[in-house]
Amino acid sequence: MPHPYVLLSAAVSLDGYLDDTGPERLLLSSPADFDRVDEVRASVDAILIGAGTVRADNPRLLVNSPERRAARTAAGLPEYPLKVTVSGSGDLDPAAQFWHTGGQKVLYTTDQGAERARALGLATADGTDAADATDVVPLGADLDWRRLLTHLHDVRGVRRLMVEGGGLIHTQLLTQGLADELQLVLAPLFVGDPGAPRLFGPGGYQSGRLRLLETRRIEDVVLMRYEPTAPGTGPLPVAADHHWLALACELAAQCPPSDTAFSVGAVVVAADGTELARGHSREGGDPLVHAEEAALAKLDPADPRLAGATVYSSLEPCARRASRPAPCARLILDAGVRRVVTAWREPDTFVADADGSGLLAAGGVEVLVLPEHEERAKAPNHHLTP
């Protein structure tokens, strides 16, 4: 299901701590970086923190700049982004500043936590908003991040979500492959207290290196922006799957136009997030070459990384074709690839009952179709389809 773009934001000491154990919050960012954070807050639809952060820091979680709030209003947006918190128990102080500042709020919790939250006065028993516009949303017996993100996207209209902690929340989103970007600020000090909270805890993180998008000096701190690159390993998509499929759709837009064939882009990515090859339809002046074919042709068939790789294709790999001995689905199977992510099932425009996904699945390949990318995949092909 579609999710918001999830941006994790944190400031840490040189030894990886979010705070110390003193009674006052440790200020890790510089004044200029606090202003940058305010700018990011103003650019998103919602800001999320965990219940532990609500209890420990009692934050207001606002856009502080009047000019930025005015710009949001002029753009037809609420003055403040939606404020979101997550608590399995629902046991939160109703007097916390989180509930009484800014605009609308949402508490995601369990069924049992919802009862507790309503008993505390965070929402009325019938589920309608309380005086400070707090909506309590139960997610079932347990907290489910995918269900939470889908609800934010589909019900609350959130397209960009900023997550400001704490460490447990950041760890859960990263280990489940749900974080699209990490904005990390490194502060020039040490904490050194093993009892202090750390940014990331132990967990089953995805393999591979993150891609560095930006570094920026801001007074005496350094901002580093990263995005995950490692593909998923099963039937549920991770954030990197969306990044790579978006690139495949961009490649489709580079295809020379044709009235007799689709414009398709493809990328082959190793399990550790290394891009192995890319291609697009009619690449290199060949009027018959398909995107997956062009990409795979650039690789050594004996490359051991192919067995763990994922092929991203803007259009379902073909199951039949007249112009070449082997269709793209067969080429993928022969290459030993066992995972394919695509945006769009092939219509009957040129081949009736096309079912590349079926051929791949019969050969043991995991096929994911992410329909939220379908319109981008169709864009360079609108002249071919009704």
Protein backbone atom coordinates (compact mmCIF):
# COMPACT_ATOMS: atom_id res chain seq x y z
CA MET A 1 0.00 0.00 0.00
CA PRO A 2 1.21 3.57 -0.61
CA HIS A 3 3.10 5.19 2.24
CA PRO A 4 4.35 8.71 2.87
CA TYR A 5 7.96 9.60 2.16
CA VAL A 6 9.54 8.94 5.56
CA LEU A 7 12.37 11.25 6.62
CA LEU A 8 14.23 10.42 9.84
CA SER A 9 15.77 13.45 11.57
CA ALA A 10 18.19 13.30 14.50
CA ALA A 11 21.16 15.01 16.12
CA VAL A 12 23.78 12.88 17.87
CA SER A 13 27.04 13.24 19.75
CA LEU A 14 30.28 11.99 18.25
CA ASP A 15 29.80 8.74 20.17
CA GLY A 16 26.24 8.24 18.92
CA TYR A 17 24.06 9.46 21.79
CA LEU A 18 20.81 11.40 21.47
CA ASP A 19 20.97 12.84 24.98
CA ASP A 20 22.67 12.44 28.34
CA THR A 21 21.06 11.34 31.60
CA GLY A 22 20.81 14.78 33.16
CA PRO A 23 17.51 16.41 34.11
CA GLU A 24 17.66 18.90 31.23
CA ARG A 25 17.64 17.99 27.54
CA LEU A 26 21.13 18.02 26.02
CA LEU A 27 21.20 20.55 23.16
CA LEU A 28 23.19 18.96 20.36
CA SER A 29 22.26 21.20 17.42
CA SER A 30 23.48 24.73 16.79
CA PRO A 31 21.09 27.71 16.49
CA ALA A 32 21.46 27.65 12.71
CA ASP A 33 20.62 23.96 12.63
CA PHE A 34 17.54 24.48 14.77
CA ASP A 35 16.43 26.93 12.10
CA ARG A 36 17.12 24.32 9.39
CA VAL A 37 14.97 21.82 11.30
CA ASP A 38 12.23 24.43 11.47
CA GLU A 39 12.46 24.79 7.68
CA VAL A 40 12.15 21.02 7.22
CA ARG A 41 9.16 20.91 9.57
CA ALA A 42 7.46 23.61 7.50
CA SER A 43 7.97 21.52 4.34
CA VAL A 44 6.27 18.32 5.53
CA ASP A 45 2.68 17.23 6.05
CA ALA A 46 3.22 15.58 9.43
CA ILE A 47 5.82 15.24 12.20
CA LEU A 48 6.03 12.06 14.28
CA ILE A 49 7.67 11.33 17.63
CA GLY A 50 7.42 8.36 19.95
CA ALA A 51 5.69 8.35 23.30
CA GLY A 52 9.07 8.21 25.05
CA THR A 53 10.05 11.51 23.49
CA VAL A 54 6.73 13.06 24.56
CA ARG A 55 7.40 11.95 28.13
CA ALA A 56 11.11 12.81 28.28
CA ASP A 57 11.24 16.11 26.37
CA ASN A 58 7.66 17.45 26.58
CA PRO A 59 8.10 19.06 23.13
CA ARG A 60 5.70 21.45 21.46
CA LEU A 61 6.83 20.28 17.99
CA LEU A 62 5.93 23.47 16.13
CA VAL A 63 6.98 25.47 13.11
CA ASN A 64 8.43 28.47 14.94
CA SER A 65 8.94 30.89 12.05
CA PRO A 66 5.89 33.13 11.45
CA GLU A 67 7.03 33.58 7.85
CA ARG A 68 7.08 29.83 7.23
CA ARG A 69 3.68 29.38 8.84
CA ALA A 70 2.33 32.19 6.67
CA ALA A 71 3.78 30.54 3.57
CA ARG A 72 2.04 27.26 4.47
CA THR A 73 -1.26 29.08 4.90
CA ALA A 74 -0.80 30.93 1.59
CA ALA A 75 -0.24 27.56 -0.11
CA GLY A 76 -3.55 26.28 1.23
CA LEU A 77 -1.96 24.13 3.95
CA PRO A 78 -2.68 24.11 7.68
CA GLU A 79 -0.53 26.56 9.63
CA TYR A 80 1.19 23.62 11.37
CA PRO A 81 1.89 20.10 10.11
CA LEU A 82 -0.13 17.28 11.65
CA LYS A 83 1.52 16.10 14.89
CA VAL A 84 1.70 12.32 15.36
CA THR A 85 2.78 10.14 18.25
CA VAL A 86 2.83 6.39 18.81
CA SER A 87 2.19 4.56 22.08
CA GLY A 88 1.31 0.91 22.60
CA SER A 89 -0.04 1.58 26.09
CA GLY A 90 -1.83 4.88 25.39
CA ASP A 91 -0.56 6.04 28.79
CA LEU A 92 0.41 9.65 28.09
CA ASP A 93 0.06 12.79 30.17
CA PRO A 94 -2.94 14.76 28.86
CA ALA A 95 -1.28 17.95 30.14
CA ALA A 96 1.79 17.50 27.88
CA GLN A 97 2.53 20.43 25.57
CA PHE A 98 2.25 18.11 22.56
CA TRP A 99 -1.56 18.06 22.87
CA HIS A 100 -2.11 21.77 23.52
CA THR A 101 0.02 23.53 20.89
CA GLY A 102 -0.08 23.63 17.12
CA GLY A 103 -2.82 22.17 14.98
CA GLN A 104 -4.30 18.68 14.75
CA LYS A 105 -2.80 15.63 16.47
CA VAL A 106 -3.03 11.88 16.03
CA LEU A 107 -2.17 9.16 18.51
CA TYR A 108 -1.63 5.71 17.00
CA THR A 109 -1.97 2.95 19.56
CA THR A 110 -3.31 -0.54 20.19
CA ASP A 111 -6.93 -1.42 20.88
CA GLN A 112 -6.16 -1.59 24.59
CA GLY A 113 -4.09 1.60 24.41
CA ALA A 114 -7.00 3.43 22.80
CA GLU A 115 -9.18 2.63 25.79
CA ARG A 116 -6.50 3.96 28.13
CA ALA A 117 -6.01 7.14 26.07
CA ARG A 118 -9.72 7.86 26.03
CA ALA A 119 -9.97 7.27 29.76
CA LEU A 120 -7.26 9.90 30.20
CA GLY A 121 -9.29 12.37 28.14
CA LEU A 122 -7.09 12.39 25.02
CA ALA A 123 -10.18 11.74 22.88
CA THR A 124 -13.88 11.25 23.48
CA ALA A 125 -15.26 7.74 23.79
CA ASP A 126 -17.07 7.91 20.45
CA GLY A 127 -13.82 8.63 18.63
CA THR A 128 -14.57 12.24 17.77
CA ASP A 129 -11.85 14.82 18.31
CA ALA A 130 -11.41 16.28 21.76
CA ALA A 131 -11.05 19.99 22.39
CA ASP A 132 -7.44 20.07 21.21
CA ALA A 133 -8.19 18.10 18.03
CA THR A 134 -6.58 14.78 19.01
CA ASP A 135 -7.60 11.72 17.04
CA VAL A 136 -6.90 8.35 18.67
CA VAL A 137 -6.44 5.58 16.09
CA PRO A 138 -6.25 1.95 17.30
CA LEU A 139 -4.21 -0.35 15.04
CA GLY A 140 -5.25 -3.68 16.54
CA ALA A 141 -3.70 -5.88 19.18
CA ASP A 142 -0.19 -4.67 18.30
CA LEU A 143 1.39 -1.63 16.69
CA ASP A 144 1.92 -2.12 12.97
CA TRP A 145 4.12 0.44 11.19
CA ARG A 146 2.94 -0.42 7.68
CA ARG A 147 -0.69 -0.08 8.69
CA LEU A 148 0.12 3.20 10.47
CA LEU A 149 1.87 4.66 7.41
CA THR A 150 -0.92 3.54 5.10
CA HIS A 151 -3.50 5.22 7.36
CA LEU A 152 -1.47 8.44 7.37
CA HIS A 153 -1.26 8.36 3.57
CA ASP A 154 -4.78 7.28 2.69
CA VAL A 155 -6.86 8.83 5.50
CA ARG A 156 -4.86 11.86 6.60
CA GLY A 157 -3.38 12.73 3.19
CA VAL A 158 0.23 12.73 4.44
CA ARG A 159 2.76 12.60 1.61
CA ARG A 160 5.90 13.64 3.52
CA LEU A 161 6.44 12.54 7.11
CA MET A 162 9.27 13.83 9.32
CA VAL A 163 10.21 11.52 12.20
CA GLU A 164 12.07 13.19 15.07
CA GLY A 165 12.63 10.21 17.35
CA GLY A 166 13.36 8.67 19.57
CA GLY A 167 15.94 6.00 18.96
CA LEU A 168 13.51 3.07 19.19
CA ILE A 169 11.26 4.61 16.53
CA HIS A 170 14.22 5.28 14.23
CA THR A 171 15.49 1.73 14.74
CA GLN A 172 12.13 0.15 13.98
CA LEU A 173 11.57 2.16 10.80
CA LEU A 174 15.07 1.43 9.49
CA THR A 175 15.06 -2.27 10.32
CA GLN A 176 11.67 -2.67 8.65
CA GLY A 177 12.90 -0.87 5.53
CA LEU A 178 10.37 1.94 5.86
CA ALA A 179 12.70 4.97 6.06
CA ASP A 180 13.29 6.82 2.78
CA GLU A 181 15.90 9.25 4.08
CA LEU A 182 18.06 9.85 7.14
CA GLN A 183 19.06 13.40 8.06
CA LEU A 184 21.76 13.07 10.70
CA VAL A 185 23.44 15.99 12.46
CA LEU A 186 26.76 15.22 14.16
CA ALA A 187 27.59 17.41 17.15
CA PRO A 188 31.20 17.98 18.33
CA LEU A 189 30.90 16.51 21.83
CA PHE A 190 30.94 13.19 23.65
CA VAL A 191 28.42 11.79 26.13
CA GLY A 192 30.10 8.56 27.17
CA ASP A 193 27.31 7.43 29.52
CA PRO A 194 26.15 3.86 28.78
CA GLY A 195 22.81 4.69 30.39
CA ALA A 196 22.07 7.51 27.95
CA PRO A 197 19.79 6.97 24.94
CA ARG A 198 21.47 6.08 21.66
CA LEU A 199 20.25 6.87 18.16
CA PHE A 200 20.09 3.25 16.95
CA GLY A 201 19.70 0.01 18.86
CA PRO A 202 20.40 -3.57 17.86
CA GLY A 203 18.24 -5.07 15.13
CA GLY A 204 18.08 -6.75 11.77
CA TYR A 205 19.21 -3.87 9.59
CA GLN A 206 19.35 -4.26 5.81
CA SER A 207 22.72 -5.09 4.33
CA GLY A 208 24.80 -2.72 2.27
CA ARG A 209 25.87 0.89 2.49
CA LEU A 210 23.53 3.86 2.46
CA ARG A 211 23.98 6.43 -0.30
CA LEU A 212 25.31 9.80 0.83
CA LEU A 213 23.10 12.52 -0.67
CA GLU A 214 24.58 15.62 0.97
CA THR A 215 27.01 16.89 3.59
CA ARG A 216 26.75 20.43 4.93
CA ARG A 217 28.62 22.34 7.62
CA ILE A 218 26.22 24.34 9.82
CA GLU A 219 28.20 26.36 12.34
CA ASP A 220 29.98 23.71 14.45
CA VAL A 221 27.79 20.73 13.45
CA VAL A 222 27.67 18.68 10.25
CA LEU A 223 24.50 17.61 8.46
CA MET A 224 24.65 14.31 6.56
CA ARG A 225 21.77 13.09 4.41
CA TYR A 226 21.58 9.41 3.46
CA GLU A 227 19.13 7.15 1.66
CA PRO A 228 18.94 3.34 1.89
CA THR A 229 19.88 1.45 -1.27
CA ALA A 230 19.52 -2.26 -0.45
CA PRO A 231 16.50 -3.93 -2.10
CA GLY A 232 13.97 -5.85 -0.09
CA THR A 233 14.19 -9.61 0.25
CA GLY A 234 10.58 -10.74 0.18
CA PRO A 235 7.03 -9.88 -0.84
CA LEU A 236 6.88 -6.59 1.09
CA PRO A 237 8.53 -3.54 -0.49
CA VAL A 238 11.10 -1.46 1.34
CA ALA A 239 11.90 2.20 0.78
CA ALA A 240 14.83 1.40 -1.53
CA ASP A 241 12.48 -0.56 -3.81
CA HIS A 242 10.56 2.64 -4.43
CA HIS A 243 13.76 4.60 -5.08
CA TRP A 244 15.03 2.13 -7.67
CA LEU A 245 11.66 1.73 -9.38
CA ALA A 246 11.37 5.52 -9.63
CA LEU A 247 14.75 5.49 -11.41
CA ALA A 248 13.49 2.84 -13.84
CA CYS A 249 10.52 5.10 -14.62
CA GLU A 250 12.92 8.00 -15.24
CA LEU A 251 14.88 5.82 -17.67
CA ALA A 252 11.66 5.01 -19.53
CA ALA A 253 11.25 8.70 -20.25
CA GLN A 254 14.65 8.66 -22.04
CA CYS A 255 13.55 6.13 -24.65
CA PRO A 256 13.37 7.23 -28.30
CA PRO A 257 9.63 7.43 -29.07
CA SER A 258 7.95 4.59 -30.94
CA ASP A 259 4.48 3.78 -32.23
CA THR A 260 5.13 0.05 -32.18
CA ALA A 261 6.75 -0.63 -28.82
CA PHE A 262 6.58 0.52 -25.22
CA SER A 263 9.11 2.83 -23.60
CA VAL A 264 10.53 0.99 -20.59
CA GLY A 265 13.39 1.52 -18.15
CA ALA A 266 15.17 -1.14 -16.11
CA VAL A 267 17.81 -1.27 -13.36
CA VAL A 268 19.61 -4.32 -11.93
CA VAL A 269 20.60 -3.89 -8.27
CA ALA A 270 22.68 -6.23 -6.11
CA ALA A 271 21.54 -7.32 -2.65
CA ASP A 272 23.85 -4.78 -0.98
CA GLY A 273 22.34 -1.88 -2.95
CA THR A 274 25.04 -1.65 -5.62
CA GLU A 275 23.68 -0.70 -9.03
CA LEU A 276 24.93 -3.36 -11.44
CA ALA A 277 23.44 -2.12 -14.72
CA ARG A 278 20.67 -0.07 -16.25
CA GLY A 279 19.01 0.07 -19.63
CA HIS A 280 16.07 1.39 -21.57
CA SER A 281 14.06 0.47 -24.66
CA ARG A 282 15.76 1.14 -28.01
CA GLU A 283 18.99 2.00 -26.23
CA GLY A 284 22.03 2.60 -28.43
CA GLY A 285 19.96 3.02 -31.57
CA ASP A 286 18.74 -0.59 -31.59
CA PRO A 287 15.03 -0.31 -32.44
CA LEU A 288 14.28 -3.79 -31.05
CA VAL A 289 16.15 -3.95 -27.75
CA HIS A 290 14.09 -4.06 -24.56
CA ALA A 291 15.07 -2.38 -21.32
CA GLU A 292 15.76 -5.51 -19.26
CA GLU A 293 17.63 -7.03 -22.19
CA ALA A 294 19.81 -3.93 -22.54
CA ALA A 295 20.64 -3.91 -18.82
CA LEU A 296 21.41 -7.63 -18.51
CA ALA A 297 23.59 -7.54 -21.65
CA LYS A 298 26.01 -5.26 -19.78
CA LEU A 299 26.69 -7.91 -17.11
CA ASP A 300 28.81 -11.04 -17.06
CA PRO A 301 26.33 -13.96 -16.93
CA ALA A 302 28.63 -15.57 -14.36
CA ASP A 303 28.47 -12.59 -12.00
CA PRO A 304 27.65 -14.19 -8.62
CA ARG A 305 25.74 -11.08 -7.53
CA LEU A 306 22.93 -11.83 -9.99
CA ALA A 307 21.53 -14.59 -7.79
CA GLY A 308 20.73 -12.08 -5.04
CA ALA A 309 19.89 -9.17 -7.31
CA THR A 310 16.59 -7.44 -8.00
CA VAL A 311 15.50 -6.26 -11.46
CA TYR A 312 13.42 -3.09 -11.43
CA SER A 313 11.39 -2.53 -14.58
CA SER A 314 8.87 0.21 -15.24
CA LEU A 315 6.76 -2.30 -17.22
CA GLU A 316 6.25 -5.99 -16.49
CA PRO A 317 8.97 -8.00 -18.31
CA CYS A 318 7.60 -9.48 -21.51
CA ALA A 319 6.62 -13.14 -21.74
CA ARG A 320 6.47 -13.32 -25.53
CA ARG A 321 8.11 -11.36 -28.34
CA ALA A 322 8.61 -11.80 -32.07
CA SER A 323 11.77 -9.73 -32.47
CA ARG A 324 14.15 -11.82 -30.34
CA PRO A 325 14.56 -15.53 -29.52
CA ALA A 326 13.99 -15.04 -25.78
CA PRO A 327 11.55 -12.68 -24.02
CA CYS A 328 12.78 -10.57 -21.11
CA ALA A 329 11.17 -12.79 -18.49
CA ARG A 330 13.19 -15.72 -19.84
CA LEU A 331 16.38 -13.62 -19.87
CA ILE A 332 15.82 -12.77 -16.21
CA LEU A 333 15.28 -16.43 -15.31
CA ASP A 334 18.37 -17.49 -17.25
CA ALA A 335 20.42 -14.83 -15.45
CA GLY A 336 19.49 -16.41 -12.11
CA VAL A 337 17.71 -13.33 -10.76
CA ARG A 338 15.03 -14.25 -8.26
CA ARG A 339 13.29 -10.95 -7.53
CA VAL A 340 11.57 -8.45 -9.86
CA VAL A 341 9.82 -5.19 -8.97
CA THR A 342 7.64 -3.49 -11.54
CA ALA A 343 5.17 -0.62 -11.73
CA TRP A 344 2.75 -1.69 -14.44
CA ARG A 345 1.33 -4.94 -15.79
CA GLU A 346 1.70 -5.17 -19.56
CA PRO A 347 -1.55 -4.30 -21.38
CA ASP A 348 -2.77 -6.19 -24.46
CA THR A 349 -1.68 -3.40 -26.82
CA PHE A 350 0.84 -5.53 -28.72
CA VAL A 351 0.56 -8.99 -27.13
CA ALA A 352 -2.71 -10.55 -26.01
CA ASP A 353 -2.81 -12.04 -22.50
CA ALA A 354 0.71 -10.92 -21.69
CA ASP A 355 1.79 -12.43 -18.39
CA GLY A 356 5.48 -11.98 -17.77
CA SER A 357 4.83 -12.04 -14.04
CA GLY A 358 3.25 -15.46 -14.33
CA LEU A 359 6.23 -16.84 -16.26
CA LEU A 360 8.62 -15.40 -13.68
CA ALA A 361 6.61 -16.69 -10.72
CA ALA A 362 6.46 -20.17 -12.28
CA GLY A 363 10.25 -20.06 -12.42
CA GLY A 364 10.58 -19.22 -8.72
CA VAL A 365 10.93 -15.44 -9.00
CA GLU A 366 9.34 -13.12 -6.42
CA VAL A 367 7.40 -10.47 -8.37
CA LEU A 368 6.21 -7.24 -6.74
CA VAL A 369 3.92 -4.80 -8.54
CA LEU A 370 3.93 -1.31 -6.99
CA PRO A 371 0.94 0.43 -8.60
CA GLU A 372 1.71 3.78 -6.98
CA HIS A 373 4.40 4.16 -9.68
CA GLU A 374 2.10 3.16 -12.54
CA GLU A 375 1.29 6.65 -13.79
CA ARG A 376 4.98 7.54 -14.04
CA ALA A 377 5.60 4.33 -15.98
CA LYS A 378 2.70 5.06 -18.32
CA ALA A 379 3.65 8.70 -18.95
CA PRO A 380 6.00 8.08 -21.93
CA ASN A 381 3.49 5.59 -23.36
CA HIS A 382 0.26 7.58 -23.29
CA HIS A 383 0.17 7.67 -27.12
CA LEU A 384 -0.02 3.84 -27.13
CA THR A 385 -2.72 3.23 -24.54
CA PRO A 386 -6.29 4.47 -24.26
